[in-house]
PDB file of N, CA and C in Angstrom:
ATOM      1  N   UNK A   1     -34.437  25.891  28.295  1.00  0.00           N
ATOM      2  CA  UNK A   1     -33.991  25.625  26.747  1.00  0.00           C
ATOM      3  C   UNK A   1     -33.535  24.190  26.457  1.00  0.00           C
ATOM      4  N   UNK A   2     -34.080  23.663  25.569  1.00  0.00           N
ATOM      5  CA  UNK A   2     -33.648  22.162  25.326  1.00  0.00           C
ATOM      6  C   UNK A   2     -32.578  22.481  24.134  1.00  0.00           C
ATOM      7  N   UNK A   3     -31.168  21.504  24.383  1.00  0.00           N
ATOM      8  CA  UNK A   3     -30.243  21.874  23.183  1.00  0.00           C
ATOM      9  C   UNK A   3     -30.994  21.129  21.957  1.00  0.00           C
ATOM     10  N   UNK A   4     -30.456  21.661  20.952  1.00  0.00           N
ATOM     11  CA  UNK A   4     -30.732  21.217  19.578  1.00  0.00           C
ATOM     12  C   UNK A   4     -30.131  20.101  19.037  1.00  0.00           C
ATOM     13  N   UNK A   5     -30.430  19.292  18.517  1.00  0.00           N
ATOM     14  CA  UNK A   5     -29.751  17.995  18.015  1.00  0.00           C
ATOM     15  C   UNK A   5     -28.845  18.294  16.764  1.00  0.00           C
ATOM     16  N   UNK A   6     -27.820  18.001  17.110  1.00  0.00           N
ATOM     17  CA  UNK A   6     -26.599  18.200  16.125  1.00  0.00           C
ATOM     18  C   UNK A   6     -26.538  16.778  15.300  1.00  0.00           C
ATOM     19  N   UNK A   7     -26.648  17.009  13.862  1.00  0.00           N
ATOM     20  CA  UNK A   7     -26.123  15.437  13.215  1.00  0.00           C
ATOM     21  C   UNK A   7     -24.816  15.975  12.342  1.00  0.00           C
ATOM     22  N   UNK A   8     -23.945  15.235  12.527  1.00  0.00           N
ATOM     23  CA  UNK A   8     -22.848  14.959  12.044  1.00  0.00           C
ATOM     24  C   UNK A   8     -22.998  14.343  10.559  1.00  0.00           C
ATOM     25  N   UNK A   9     -22.479  14.775   9.538  1.00  0.00           N
ATOM     26  CA  UNK A   9     -22.477  13.883   8.246  1.00  0.00           C
ATOM     27  C   UNK A   9     -20.948  13.779   7.769  1.00  0.00           C
ATOM     28  N   UNK A  10     -20.204  12.628   7.982  1.00  0.00           N
ATOM     29  CA  UNK A  10     -18.751  12.525   7.301  1.00  0.00           C
ATOM     30  C   UNK A  10     -19.177  12.713   5.804  1.00  0.00           C
ATOM     31  N   UNK A  11     -17.622  13.534   5.589  1.00  0.00           N
ATOM     32  CA  UNK A  11     -17.718  13.573   3.930  1.00  0.00           C
ATOM     33  C   UNK A  11     -17.521  12.069   3.308  1.00  0.00           C
ATOM     34  N   UNK A  12     -17.781  12.333   2.241  1.00  0.00           N
ATOM     35  CA  UNK A  12     -17.820  10.821   1.372  1.00  0.00           C
ATOM     36  C   UNK A  12     -16.480  10.558   1.133  1.00  0.00           C
ATOM     37  N   UNK A  13     -16.448   8.968   1.337  1.00  0.00           N
ATOM     38  CA  UNK A  13     -15.125   8.631   1.087  1.00  0.00           C
ATOM     39  C   UNK A  13     -15.129   7.219   0.165  1.00  0.00           C
ATOM     40  N   UNK A  14     -14.105   7.179  -0.619  1.00  0.00           N
ATOM     41  CA  UNK A  14     -14.109   6.107  -1.567  1.00  0.00           C
ATOM     42  C   UNK A  14     -14.546   4.590  -1.019  1.00  0.00           C
ATOM     43  N   UNK A  15     -15.453   3.878  -1.533  1.00  0.00           N
ATOM     44  CA  UNK A  15     -16.020   2.881  -1.031  1.00  0.00           C
ATOM     45  C   UNK A  15     -14.648   1.842  -1.000  1.00  0.00           C
ATOM     46  N   UNK A  16     -14.751   1.092   0.202  1.00  0.00           N
ATOM     47  CA  UNK A  16     -13.701   0.053   0.496  1.00  0.00           C
ATOM     48  C   UNK A  16     -14.430  -1.416   0.044  1.00  0.00           C
ATOM     49  N   UNK A  17     -13.978  -1.942  -0.891  1.00  0.00           N
ATOM     50  CA  UNK A  17     -14.516  -3.344  -1.221  1.00  0.00           C
ATOM     51  C   UNK A  17     -13.577  -4.443  -0.941  1.00  0.00           C
ATOM     52  N   UNK A  18     -14.323  -5.452  -0.156  1.00  0.00           N
ATOM     53  CA  UNK A  18     -13.522  -6.619  -0.035  1.00  0.00           C
ATOM     54  C   UNK A  18     -13.357  -7.644  -1.281  1.00  0.00           C
ATOM     55  N   UNK A  19     -14.108  -6.991  -2.333  1.00  0.00           N
ATOM     56  CA  UNK A  19     -14.177  -7.634  -3.765  1.00  0.00           C
ATOM     57  C   UNK A  19     -12.881  -7.685  -4.384  1.00  0.00           C
ATOM     58  N   UNK A  20     -11.976  -6.438  -4.219  1.00  0.00           N
ATOM     59  CA  UNK A  20     -10.753  -6.304  -4.667  1.00  0.00           C
ATOM     60  C   UNK A  20      -9.672  -7.119  -3.775  1.00  0.00           C
ATOM     61  N   UNK A  21      -9.188  -8.065  -4.623  1.00  0.00           N
ATOM     62  CA  UNK A  21      -8.104  -9.183  -4.036  1.00  0.00           C
ATOM     63  C   UNK A  21      -6.712  -8.682  -4.310  1.00  0.00           C
ATOM     64  N   UNK A  22      -5.774  -8.761  -3.291  1.00  0.00           N
ATOM     65  CA  UNK A  22      -4.441  -8.527  -4.043  1.00  0.00           C
ATOM     66  C   UNK A  22      -3.291  -9.095  -3.053  1.00  0.00           C
ATOM     67  N   UNK A  23      -2.393  -9.000  -3.363  1.00  0.00           N
ATOM     68  CA  UNK A  23      -1.231  -9.023  -2.353  1.00  0.00           C
ATOM     69  C   UNK A  23       0.130  -8.406  -2.804  1.00  0.00           C
ATOM     70  N   UNK A  24       0.822  -8.256  -1.704  1.00  0.00           N
ATOM     71  CA  UNK A  24       2.287  -7.585  -1.847  1.00  0.00           C
ATOM     72  C   UNK A  24       3.185  -8.479  -1.244  1.00  0.00           C
ATOM     73  N   UNK A  25       4.415  -8.760  -1.876  1.00  0.00           N
ATOM     74  CA  UNK A  25       5.453  -9.499  -1.404  1.00  0.00           C
ATOM     75  C   UNK A  25       6.717  -8.728  -1.606  1.00  0.00           C
ATOM     76  N   UNK A  26       7.725  -8.924  -0.842  1.00  0.00           N
ATOM     77  CA  UNK A  26       8.985  -8.130  -0.702  1.00  0.00           C
ATOM     78  C   UNK A  26       9.929  -9.267  -1.598  1.00  0.00           C
ATOM     79  N   UNK A  27      10.221  -8.888  -2.674  1.00  0.00           N
ATOM     80  CA  UNK A  27      11.060  -9.809  -3.456  1.00  0.00           C
ATOM     81  C   UNK A  27      12.442  -9.516  -2.996  1.00  0.00           C
ATOM     82  N   UNK A  28      13.085  -8.419  -2.843  1.00  0.00           N
ATOM     83  CA  UNK A  28      14.359  -8.149  -2.307  1.00  0.00           C
ATOM     84  C   UNK A  28      14.663  -6.769  -1.825  1.00  0.00           C
ATOM     85  N   UNK A  29      15.579  -6.620  -1.322  1.00  0.00           N
ATOM     86  CA  UNK A  29      16.216  -5.383  -0.697  1.00  0.00           C
ATOM     87  C   UNK A  29      17.552  -5.045  -1.698  1.00  0.00           C
ATOM     88  N   UNK A  30      17.790  -3.925  -1.982  1.00  0.00           N
ATOM     89  CA  UNK A  30      18.785  -3.352  -2.457  1.00  0.00           C
ATOM     90  C   UNK A  30      19.617  -2.072  -2.072  1.00  0.00           C
ATOM     91  N   UNK A  31      20.563  -1.709  -2.198  1.00  0.00           N
ATOM     92  CA  UNK A  31      21.177  -0.479  -1.592  1.00  0.00           C
ATOM     93  C   UNK A  31      21.748   0.272  -3.046  1.00  0.00           C
ATOM     94  N   UNK A  32      20.952   1.447  -3.149  1.00  0.00           N
ATOM     95  CA  UNK A  32      21.127   2.117  -4.489  1.00  0.00           C
ATOM     96  C   UNK A  32      21.197   3.433  -4.032  1.00  0.00           C
ATOM     97  N   UNK A  33      22.498   4.338  -4.595  1.00  0.00           N
ATOM     98  CA  UNK A  33      22.877   5.594  -3.990  1.00  0.00           C
ATOM     99  C   UNK A  33      22.669   5.714  -2.361  1.00  0.00           C
ATOM    100  N   UNK A  34      23.349   4.862  -1.888  1.00  0.00           N
ATOM    101  CA  UNK A  34      23.033   4.721  -0.422  1.00  0.00           C
ATOM    102  C   UNK A  34      21.781   4.894   0.356  1.00  0.00           C
ATOM    103  N   UNK A  35      20.732   4.257  -0.452  1.00  0.00           N
ATOM    104  CA  UNK A  35      19.320   4.222   0.013  1.00  0.00           C
ATOM    105  C   UNK A  35      19.179   2.715   0.060  1.00  0.00           C
ATOM    106  N   UNK A  36      18.102   2.228   1.106  1.00  0.00           N
ATOM    107  CA  UNK A  36      17.706   0.847   1.039  1.00  0.00           C
ATOM    108  C   UNK A  36      16.446   1.129   0.165  1.00  0.00           C
ATOM    109  N   UNK A  37      16.250   0.244  -0.691  1.00  0.00           N
ATOM    110  CA  UNK A  37      15.193  -0.026  -1.561  1.00  0.00           C
ATOM    111  C   UNK A  37      14.499  -1.292  -1.820  1.00  0.00           C
ATOM    112  N   UNK A  38      13.271  -1.360  -1.648  1.00  0.00           N
ATOM    113  CA  UNK A  38      12.609  -2.610  -1.636  1.00  0.00           C
ATOM    114  C   UNK A  38      12.064  -2.844  -3.100  1.00  0.00           C
ATOM    115  N   UNK A  39      12.318  -3.887  -3.333  1.00  0.00           N
ATOM    116  CA  UNK A  39      11.473  -4.301  -4.927  1.00  0.00           C
ATOM    117  C   UNK A  39      10.457  -5.089  -4.492  1.00  0.00           C
ATOM    118  N   UNK A  40       9.110  -5.006  -4.857  1.00  0.00           N
ATOM    119  CA  UNK A  40       7.768  -5.510  -4.666  1.00  0.00           C
ATOM    120  C   UNK A  40       7.344  -6.212  -5.467  1.00  0.00           C
ATOM    121  N   UNK A  41       6.532  -7.277  -5.468  1.00  0.00           N
ATOM    122  CA  UNK A  41       5.705  -8.060  -6.271  1.00  0.00           C
ATOM    123  C   UNK A  41       4.300  -7.769  -5.959  1.00  0.00           C
ATOM    124  N   UNK A  42       3.476  -7.197  -6.969  1.00  0.00           N
ATOM    125  CA  UNK A  42       2.182  -6.846  -6.357  1.00  0.00           C
ATOM    126  C   UNK A  42       1.105  -7.796  -7.356  1.00  0.00           C
ATOM    127  N   UNK A  43       0.165  -7.839  -7.154  1.00  0.00           N
ATOM    128  CA  UNK A  43      -1.044  -8.433  -7.691  1.00  0.00           C
ATOM    129  C   UNK A  43      -2.080  -8.069  -7.152  1.00  0.00           C
ATOM    130  N   UNK A  44      -3.321  -7.824  -8.026  1.00  0.00           N
ATOM    131  CA  UNK A  44      -4.772  -7.370  -7.797  1.00  0.00           C
ATOM    132  C   UNK A  44      -5.749  -7.611  -8.586  1.00  0.00           C
ATOM    133  N   UNK A  45      -6.922  -8.210  -8.392  1.00  0.00           N
ATOM    134  CA  UNK A  45      -8.133  -8.291  -9.315  1.00  0.00           C
ATOM    135  C   UNK A  45      -9.080  -7.627  -8.742  1.00  0.00           C
ATOM    136  N   UNK A  46     -10.098  -7.486  -9.486  1.00  0.00           N
ATOM    137  CA  UNK A  46     -11.612  -6.945  -9.127  1.00  0.00           C
ATOM    138  C   UNK A  46     -12.505  -7.047  -9.789  1.00  0.00           C
ATOM    139  N   UNK A  47     -13.554  -7.944  -9.749  1.00  0.00           N
ATOM    140  CA  UNK A  47     -14.435  -8.534 -10.385  1.00  0.00           C
ATOM    141  C   UNK A  47     -15.520  -7.254 -10.946  1.00  0.00           C
ATOM    142  N   UNK A  48     -15.429  -6.280 -10.003  1.00  0.00           N
ATOM    143  CA  UNK A  48     -16.384  -4.842 -10.338  1.00  0.00           C
ATOM    144  C   UNK A  48     -15.633  -3.919 -11.373  1.00  0.00           C
ATOM    145  N   UNK A  49     -14.551  -4.285 -11.907  1.00  0.00           N
ATOM    146  CA  UNK A  49     -13.841  -3.246 -12.417  1.00  0.00           C
ATOM    147  C   UNK A  49     -12.214  -3.682 -12.952  1.00  0.00           C
ATOM    148  N   UNK A  50     -11.372  -2.699 -13.246  1.00  0.00           N
ATOM    149  CA  UNK A  50     -10.059  -2.959 -13.796  1.00  0.00           C
ATOM    150  C   UNK A  50      -9.394  -2.144 -12.640  1.00  0.00           C
ATOM    151  N   UNK A  51      -8.268  -3.003 -11.767  1.00  0.00           N
ATOM    152  CA  UNK A  51      -7.397  -2.108 -10.992  1.00  0.00           C
ATOM    153  C   UNK A  51      -6.434  -1.292 -11.704  1.00  0.00           C
ATOM    154  N   UNK A  52      -6.628   0.195 -11.263  1.00  0.00           N
ATOM    155  CA  UNK A  52      -6.206   1.129 -12.178  1.00  0.00           C
ATOM    156  C   UNK A  52      -4.764   1.553 -11.231  1.00  0.00           C
ATOM    157  N   UNK A  53      -5.042   1.943  -9.907  1.00  0.00           N
ATOM    158  CA  UNK A  53      -4.128   2.513  -8.935  1.00  0.00           C
ATOM    159  C   UNK A  53      -3.979   1.815  -7.822  1.00  0.00           C
ATOM    160  N   UNK A  54      -2.735   2.262  -7.003  1.00  0.00           N
ATOM    161  CA  UNK A  54      -2.152   1.542  -6.054  1.00  0.00           C
ATOM    162  C   UNK A  54      -1.697   2.581  -5.079  1.00  0.00           C
ATOM    163  N   UNK A  55      -1.626   2.579  -3.855  1.00  0.00           N
ATOM    164  CA  UNK A  55      -1.061   3.538  -3.016  1.00  0.00           C
ATOM    165  C   UNK A  55      -0.049   2.689  -2.161  1.00  0.00           C
ATOM    166  N   UNK A  56       1.213   3.055  -2.255  1.00  0.00           N
ATOM    167  CA  UNK A  56       2.499   2.387  -1.328  1.00  0.00           C
ATOM    168  C   UNK A  56       2.964   3.384  -0.489  1.00  0.00           C
ATOM    169  N   UNK A  57       3.207   2.728   0.810  1.00  0.00           N
ATOM    170  CA  UNK A  57       3.750   3.298   1.984  1.00  0.00           C
ATOM    171  C   UNK A  57       4.276   2.442   2.894  1.00  0.00           C
ATOM    172  N   UNK A  58       5.296   3.295   3.294  1.00  0.00           N
ATOM    173  CA  UNK A  58       6.075   2.724   4.636  1.00  0.00           C
ATOM    174  C   UNK A  58       5.634   3.555   5.966  1.00  0.00           C
ATOM    175  N   UNK A  59       5.881   5.047   5.447  1.00  0.00           N
ATOM    176  CA  UNK A  59       5.458   6.162   6.416  1.00  0.00           C
ATOM    177  C   UNK A  59       4.097   6.650   6.115  1.00  0.00           C
ATOM    178  N   UNK A  60       3.009   6.476   7.015  1.00  0.00           N
ATOM    179  CA  UNK A  60       1.883   7.207   6.675  1.00  0.00           C
ATOM    180  C   UNK A  60       1.983   8.664   6.467  1.00  0.00           C
ATOM    181  N   UNK A  61       2.938   9.363   6.443  1.00  0.00           N
ATOM    182  CA  UNK A  61       3.045  10.903   6.003  1.00  0.00           C
ATOM    183  C   UNK A  61       3.434  10.577   4.533  1.00  0.00           C
ATOM    184  N   UNK A  62       4.190   9.694   3.859  1.00  0.00           N
ATOM    185  CA  UNK A  62       4.679   9.826   2.621  1.00  0.00           C
ATOM    186  C   UNK A  62       3.784   8.836   1.782  1.00  0.00           C
ATOM    187  N   UNK A  63       2.570   8.870   1.781  1.00  0.00           N
ATOM    188  CA  UNK A  63       1.878   8.008   0.630  1.00  0.00           C
ATOM    189  C   UNK A  63       2.117   8.252  -0.663  1.00  0.00           C
ATOM    190  N   UNK A  64       2.384   7.200  -1.495  1.00  0.00           N
ATOM    191  CA  UNK A  64       2.776   7.315  -3.137  1.00  0.00           C
ATOM    192  C   UNK A  64       1.558   6.749  -3.758  1.00  0.00           C
ATOM    193  N   UNK A  65       1.152   7.577  -4.604  1.00  0.00           N
ATOM    194  CA  UNK A  65      -0.330   6.945  -5.527  1.00  0.00           C
ATOM    195  C   UNK A  65       0.428   6.723  -6.836  1.00  0.00           C
ATOM    196  N   UNK A  66       0.297   5.545  -7.622  1.00  0.00           N
ATOM    197  CA  UNK A  66       0.928   5.340  -8.628  1.00  0.00           C
ATOM    198  C   UNK A  66      -0.078   4.575  -9.497  1.00  0.00           C
ATOM    199  N   UNK A  67       0.371   4.365 -10.766  1.00  0.00           N
ATOM    200  CA  UNK A  67      -0.482   3.497 -11.482  1.00  0.00           C
ATOM    201  C   UNK A  67      -0.250   2.062 -11.183  1.00  0.00           C
ATOM    202  N   UNK A  68      -1.272   1.306 -11.347  1.00  0.00           N
ATOM    203  CA  UNK A  68      -0.999  -0.038 -10.926  1.00  0.00           C
ATOM    204  C   UNK A  68      -0.152  -0.812 -11.518  1.00  0.00           C
ATOM    205  N   UNK A  69       0.635  -1.751 -11.134  1.00  0.00           N
ATOM    206  CA  UNK A  69       1.803  -2.346 -11.586  1.00  0.00           C
ATOM    207  C   UNK A  69       2.150  -3.681 -11.136  1.00  0.00           C
ATOM    208  N   UNK A  70       2.682  -4.331 -11.831  1.00  0.00           N
ATOM    209  CA  UNK A  70       2.946  -6.019 -10.709  1.00  0.00           C
ATOM    210  C   UNK A  70       4.442  -5.684 -10.314  1.00  0.00           C
ATOM    211  N   UNK A  71       5.187  -4.801 -10.393  1.00  0.00           N
ATOM    212  CA  UNK A  71       6.420  -4.499  -9.603  1.00  0.00           C
ATOM    213  C   UNK A  71       6.381  -2.989  -9.182  1.00  0.00           C
ATOM    214  N   UNK A  72       7.157  -2.855  -8.247  1.00  0.00           N
ATOM    215  CA  UNK A  72       7.367  -1.483  -7.790  1.00  0.00           C
ATOM    216  C   UNK A  72       8.676  -1.572  -6.937  1.00  0.00           C
ATOM    217  N   UNK A  73       9.178  -0.112  -6.677  1.00  0.00           N
ATOM    218  CA  UNK A  73      10.434  -0.244  -6.001  1.00  0.00           C
ATOM    219  C   UNK A  73      10.148   1.035  -5.002  1.00  0.00           C
ATOM    220  N   UNK A  74      10.536   1.055  -3.743  1.00  0.00           N
ATOM    221  CA  UNK A  74      10.284   1.740  -2.780  1.00  0.00           C
ATOM    222  C   UNK A  74      11.296   2.027  -1.647  1.00  0.00           C
ATOM    223  N   UNK A  75      11.712   3.406  -1.419  1.00  0.00           N
ATOM    224  CA  UNK A  75      12.688   3.472  -0.375  1.00  0.00           C
ATOM    225  C   UNK A  75      12.266   2.883   1.271  1.00  0.00           C
ATOM    226  N   UNK A  76      12.979   2.168   1.936  1.00  0.00           N
ATOM    227  CA  UNK A  76      12.757   1.903   3.253  1.00  0.00           C
ATOM    228  C   UNK A  76      13.639   2.801   4.018  1.00  0.00           C
ATOM    229  N   UNK A  77      12.943   3.320   5.075  1.00  0.00           N
ATOM    230  CA  UNK A  77      13.795   4.136   6.030  1.00  0.00           C
ATOM    231  C   UNK A  77      13.351   3.781   7.448  1.00  0.00           C
ATOM    232  N   UNK A  78      14.188   2.717   8.088  1.00  0.00           N
ATOM    233  CA  UNK A  78      13.631   2.268   9.343  1.00  0.00           C
ATOM    234  C   UNK A  78      12.123   2.034   9.567  1.00  0.00           C
ATOM    235  N   UNK A  79      11.584   1.227   8.694  1.00  0.00           N
ATOM    236  CA  UNK A  79      10.258   0.872   8.910  1.00  0.00           C
ATOM    237  C   UNK A  79      10.297  -0.528   8.665  1.00  0.00           C
ATOM    238  N   UNK A  80       9.280  -1.626   9.575  1.00  0.00           N
ATOM    239  CA  UNK A  80       9.492  -2.963   9.467  1.00  0.00           C
ATOM    240  C   UNK A  80       8.007  -3.198   8.245  1.00  0.00           C
ATOM    241  N   UNK A  81       7.417  -2.516   7.868  1.00  0.00           N
ATOM    242  CA  UNK A  81       6.389  -3.032   6.945  1.00  0.00           C
ATOM    243  C   UNK A  81       6.153  -2.111   5.536  1.00  0.00           C
ATOM    244  N   UNK A  82       5.676  -2.564   4.680  1.00  0.00           N
ATOM    245  CA  UNK A  82       5.414  -1.706   3.488  1.00  0.00           C
ATOM    246  C   UNK A  82       3.906  -2.021   3.234  1.00  0.00           C
ATOM    247  N   UNK A  83       2.864  -1.181   2.929  1.00  0.00           N
ATOM    248  CA  UNK A  83       1.656  -1.245   2.950  1.00  0.00           C
ATOM    249  C   UNK A  83       1.234  -0.918   1.331  1.00  0.00           C
ATOM    250  N   UNK A  84      -0.020  -1.314   1.030  1.00  0.00           N
ATOM    251  CA  UNK A  84      -0.775  -1.235  -0.411  1.00  0.00           C
ATOM    252  C   UNK A  84      -1.876  -1.252  -0.226  1.00  0.00           C
ATOM    253  N   UNK A  85      -2.666  -0.332  -0.727  1.00  0.00           N
ATOM    254  CA  UNK A  85      -4.114  -0.215  -1.339  1.00  0.00           C
ATOM    255  C   UNK A  85      -4.476  -0.202  -2.709  1.00  0.00           C
ATOM    256  N   UNK A  86      -5.398  -1.158  -3.286  1.00  0.00           N
ATOM    257  CA  UNK A  86      -5.150  -1.404  -4.686  1.00  0.00           C
ATOM    258  C   UNK A  86      -6.774  -0.180  -5.097  1.00  0.00           C
ATOM    259  N   UNK A  87      -6.970   0.322  -6.103  1.00  0.00           N
ATOM    260  CA  UNK A  87      -8.097   1.029  -6.531  1.00  0.00           C
ATOM    261  C   UNK A  87      -8.555   0.433  -7.866  1.00  0.00           C
ATOM    262  N   UNK A  88      -9.791   0.332  -8.107  1.00  0.00           N
ATOM    263  CA  UNK A  88     -10.090   0.186  -9.480  1.00  0.00           C
ATOM    264  C   UNK A  88     -10.621   1.213 -10.202  1.00  0.00           C
ATOM    265  N   UNK A  89     -11.360   1.163 -11.163  1.00  0.00           N
ATOM    266  CA  UNK A  89     -11.835   2.032 -11.873  1.00  0.00           C
ATOM    267  C   UNK A  89     -13.201   2.712 -11.715  1.00  0.00           C
ATOM    268  N   UNK A  90     -13.822   1.736 -10.717  1.00  0.00           N
ATOM    269  CA  UNK A  90     -15.193   1.930 -10.275  1.00  0.00           C
ATOM    270  C   UNK A  90     -15.118   2.754  -9.086  1.00  0.00           C
ATOM    271  N   UNK A  91     -13.802   3.085  -8.600  1.00  0.00           N
ATOM    272  CA  UNK A  91     -13.790   3.813  -7.145  1.00  0.00           C
ATOM    273  C   UNK A  91     -13.860   2.851  -5.795  1.00  0.00           C
ATOM    274  N   UNK A  92     -13.758   1.517  -6.120  1.00  0.00           N
ATOM    275  CA  UNK A  92     -13.557   0.646  -5.037  1.00  0.00           C
ATOM    276  C   UNK A  92     -12.074   0.631  -4.502  1.00  0.00           C
ATOM    277  N   UNK A  93     -11.946   0.546  -3.542  1.00  0.00           N
ATOM    278  CA  UNK A  93     -10.728   0.294  -2.788  1.00  0.00           C
ATOM    279  C   UNK A  93     -10.412  -1.062  -1.916  1.00  0.00           C
ATOM    280  N   UNK A  94      -9.266  -1.445  -2.073  1.00  0.00           N
ATOM    281  CA  UNK A  94      -8.964  -2.801  -1.478  1.00  0.00           C
ATOM    282  C   UNK A  94      -8.705  -2.464   0.158  1.00  0.00           C
ATOM    283  N   UNK A  95      -8.787  -3.594   0.646  1.00  0.00           N
ATOM    284  CA  UNK A  95      -8.167  -3.671   2.119  1.00  0.00           C
ATOM    285  C   UNK A  95      -6.755  -3.399   2.189  1.00  0.00           C
ATOM    286  N   UNK A  96      -6.020  -3.072   3.412  1.00  0.00           N
ATOM    287  CA  UNK A  96      -4.701  -2.745   3.449  1.00  0.00           C
ATOM    288  C   UNK A  96      -4.029  -3.905   3.370  1.00  0.00           C
ATOM    289  N   UNK A  97      -2.983  -4.427   2.331  1.00  0.00           N
ATOM    290  CA  UNK A  97      -2.128  -5.335   2.232  1.00  0.00           C
ATOM    291  C   UNK A  97      -0.812  -4.811   2.810  1.00  0.00           C
ATOM    292  N   UNK A  98       0.008  -5.868   3.423  1.00  0.00           N
ATOM    293  CA  UNK A  98       1.455  -5.613   4.016  1.00  0.00           C
ATOM    294  C   UNK A  98       2.324  -6.649   3.790  1.00  0.00           C
ATOM    295  N   UNK A  99       3.473  -6.240   3.746  1.00  0.00           N
ATOM    296  CA  UNK A  99       4.661  -7.342   3.687  1.00  0.00           C
ATOM    297  C   UNK A  99       5.697  -6.710   4.843  1.00  0.00           C
ATOM    298  N   UNK A 100       6.224  -7.533   5.669  1.00  0.00           N
ATOM    299  CA  UNK A 100       7.540  -7.397   6.465  1.00  0.00           C
ATOM    300  C   UNK A 100       8.621  -6.981   5.671  1.00  0.00           C
ATOM    301  N   UNK A 101       9.660  -6.291   6.399  1.00  0.00           N
ATOM    302  CA  UNK A 101      10.716  -5.820   5.765  1.00  0.00           C
ATOM    303  C   UNK A 101      11.838  -6.403   6.764  1.00  0.00           C
ATOM    304  N   UNK A 102      11.587  -6.402   8.060  1.00  0.00           N
ATOM    305  CA  UNK A 102      12.652  -7.076   8.813  1.00  0.00           C
ATOM    306  C   UNK A 102      13.206  -8.166   8.836  1.00  0.00           C
ATOM    307  N   UNK A 103      12.652  -9.394   8.095  1.00  0.00           N
ATOM    308  CA  UNK A 103      13.499 -10.725   8.096  1.00  0.00           C
ATOM    309  C   UNK A 103      14.566 -10.230   6.954  1.00  0.00           C
ATOM    310  N   UNK A 104      14.131  -9.702   6.338  1.00  0.00           N
ATOM    311  CA  UNK A 104      15.374  -9.365   4.928  1.00  0.00           C
ATOM    312  C   UNK A 104      16.558  -8.171   5.658  1.00  0.00           C
ATOM    313  N   UNK A 105      16.139  -7.451   6.803  1.00  0.00           N
ATOM    314  CA  UNK A 105      17.092  -6.424   7.098  1.00  0.00           C
ATOM    315  C   UNK A 105      17.828  -7.043   8.422  1.00  0.00           C
ATOM    316  N   UNK A 106      17.863  -8.410   8.455  1.00  0.00           N
ATOM    317  CA  UNK A 106      18.730  -8.876   9.528  1.00  0.00           C
ATOM    318  C   UNK A 106      20.072  -8.952   8.999  1.00  0.00           C
ATOM    319  N   UNK A 107      21.341  -8.977   9.671  1.00  0.00           N
ATOM    320  CA  UNK A 107      22.823  -8.791   9.350  1.00  0.00           C
ATOM    321  C   UNK A 107      22.761 -10.221   8.624  1.00  0.00           C
ATOM    322  N   UNK A 108      23.593  -9.834   7.359  1.00  0.00           N
ATOM    323  CA  UNK A 108      23.913 -11.072   6.414  1.00  0.00           C
ATOM    324  C   UNK A 108      22.703 -11.209   5.665  1.00  0.00           C
ATOM    325  N   UNK A 109      21.626 -10.577   5.521  1.00  0.00           N
ATOM    326  CA  UNK A 109      20.452 -10.762   4.624  1.00  0.00           C
ATOM    327  C   UNK A 109      20.696 -10.394   3.531  1.00  0.00           C
ATOM    328  N   UNK A 110      21.461  -9.369   3.135  1.00  0.00           N
ATOM    329  CA  UNK A 110      21.358  -8.452   1.972  1.00  0.00           C
ATOM    330  C   UNK A 110      22.754  -9.272   1.132  1.00  0.00           C
ATOM    331  N   UNK A 111      22.272  -9.147   0.029  1.00  0.00           N
ATOM    332  CA  UNK A 111      23.673  -9.428  -0.926  1.00  0.00           C
ATOM    333  C   UNK A 111      24.798  -8.696  -0.695  1.00  0.00           C
ATOM    334  N   UNK A 112      25.725  -9.674  -0.704  1.00  0.00           N
ATOM    335  CA  UNK A 112      27.171  -8.874  -0.246  1.00  0.00           C
ATOM    336  C   UNK A 112      27.813  -8.409  -1.715  1.00  0.00           C
TER     337      UNK A 112
END
């Protein structure tokens, strides 16, 4: 007997487009209600559509999808980076953009 050929077809995923250009910058860290909070400056453009959503995270198990905005605040818990993916109204997704938190987390870097 000859084994039958098996073809595995992956489920469709949103298109990843290098045409969505974006950036994420850590503006500042603040302590709010005993939690370390990162204030982020974000920017994204898509020539194929309007940027509508962004997915922000520090922990891959705790993704946060929210409407696109130029500013966002996210809790930081023992993580060195904040990541973002932008999505436009055509279903295109950007590459992953990241910013480091560790330069701000060194002793004396938070406002007294």
